Amino acid sequence: MAIIRLSELKQMSEDALKVKLLELDLEIAREVGAIKKASKPANSGKFKEMKKVRARIKTLLGQRGIEV
């Protein structure tokens, strides 16, 4: 997953944000499984960034009045 900037997220439509949120949730779930298996993430910076982007998307959807 490439780093997504806030300005790029603001330009995305609600449907695109929801799709990106689902993709991130799946990727985070895979990473959590790998963490449980190996007890530490392969790339902790990527994992942290994915969680931040997911929070940003949820915040933007909330500000637009859309239930997540």
Protein backbone atom coordinates (compact mmCIF):
# COMPACT_ATOMS: atom_id res chain seq x y z
CA MET A 1 0.00 0.00 0.00
CA ALA A 2 1.33 3.39 -0.95
CA ILE A 3 1.15 6.29 1.46
CA ILE A 4 -2.04 8.27 0.91
CA ARG A 5 -1.93 11.93 1.81
CA LEU A 6 -4.81 13.76 3.46
CA SER A 7 -5.22 16.06 0.47
CA GLU A 8 -5.68 13.00 -1.77
CA LEU A 9 -8.25 11.54 0.61
CA LYS A 10 -10.24 14.78 0.67
CA GLN A 11 -10.55 14.68 -3.12
CA MET A 12 -11.90 11.11 -3.17
CA SER A 13 -15.62 10.39 -3.37
CA GLU A 14 -17.49 8.65 -0.55
CA ASP A 15 -17.65 5.39 -2.50
CA ALA A 16 -13.91 5.45 -3.21
CA LEU A 17 -13.22 6.11 0.47
CA LYS A 18 -15.38 3.17 1.51
CA VAL A 19 -13.58 0.87 -0.94
CA LYS A 20 -10.18 2.07 0.31
CA LEU A 21 -11.34 1.52 3.90
CA LEU A 22 -12.27 -2.09 3.12
CA GLU A 23 -8.91 -2.67 1.45
CA LEU A 24 -7.09 -1.26 4.45
CA ASP A 25 -9.13 -3.36 6.87
CA LEU A 26 -8.19 -6.52 4.96
CA GLU A 27 -4.53 -5.56 4.82
CA ILE A 28 -4.47 -4.70 8.53
CA ALA A 29 -6.12 -8.03 9.36
CA ARG A 30 -3.42 -9.86 7.38
CA GLU A 31 -0.73 -7.90 9.18
CA VAL A 32 -2.27 -8.65 12.59
CA GLY A 33 -2.28 -12.34 11.71
CA ALA A 34 1.38 -12.16 10.79
CA ILE A 35 2.12 -10.34 14.05
CA LYS A 36 0.38 -13.04 16.07
CA LYS A 37 2.34 -15.68 14.21
CA ALA A 38 5.78 -14.05 14.38
CA SER A 39 5.14 -11.83 17.45
CA LYS A 40 6.40 -8.70 15.67
CA PRO A 41 5.45 -6.96 12.43
CA ALA A 42 7.67 -7.32 9.40
CA ASN A 43 7.41 -3.59 8.78
CA SER A 44 6.11 -1.74 11.82
CA GLY A 45 6.17 1.65 10.06
CA LYS A 46 3.86 0.39 7.33
CA PHE A 47 1.49 -1.11 9.90
CA LYS A 48 1.38 2.15 11.86
CA GLU A 49 0.78 4.19 8.69
CA MET A 50 -2.08 1.88 7.60
CA LYS A 51 -3.80 2.41 10.94
CA LYS A 52 -3.39 6.20 10.62
CA VAL A 53 -4.84 6.24 7.10
CA ARG A 54 -7.79 4.12 8.25
CA ALA A 55 -8.47 6.62 11.05
CA ARG A 56 -8.24 9.53 8.61
CA ILE A 57 -10.74 7.89 6.26
CA LYS A 58 -13.17 7.22 9.11
CA THR A 59 -12.83 10.83 10.26
CA LEU A 60 -13.49 12.19 6.77
CA LEU A 61 -16.54 9.97 6.33
CA GLY A 62 -17.83 11.08 9.74
CA GLN A 63 -17.37 14.72 8.82
CA ARG A 64 -19.35 14.14 5.63
CA GLY A 65 -22.14 12.58 7.68
CA ILE A 66 -21.71 9.03 6.39
CA GLU A 67 -21.98 6.02 8.70
CA VAL A 68 -19.02 3.66 8.55
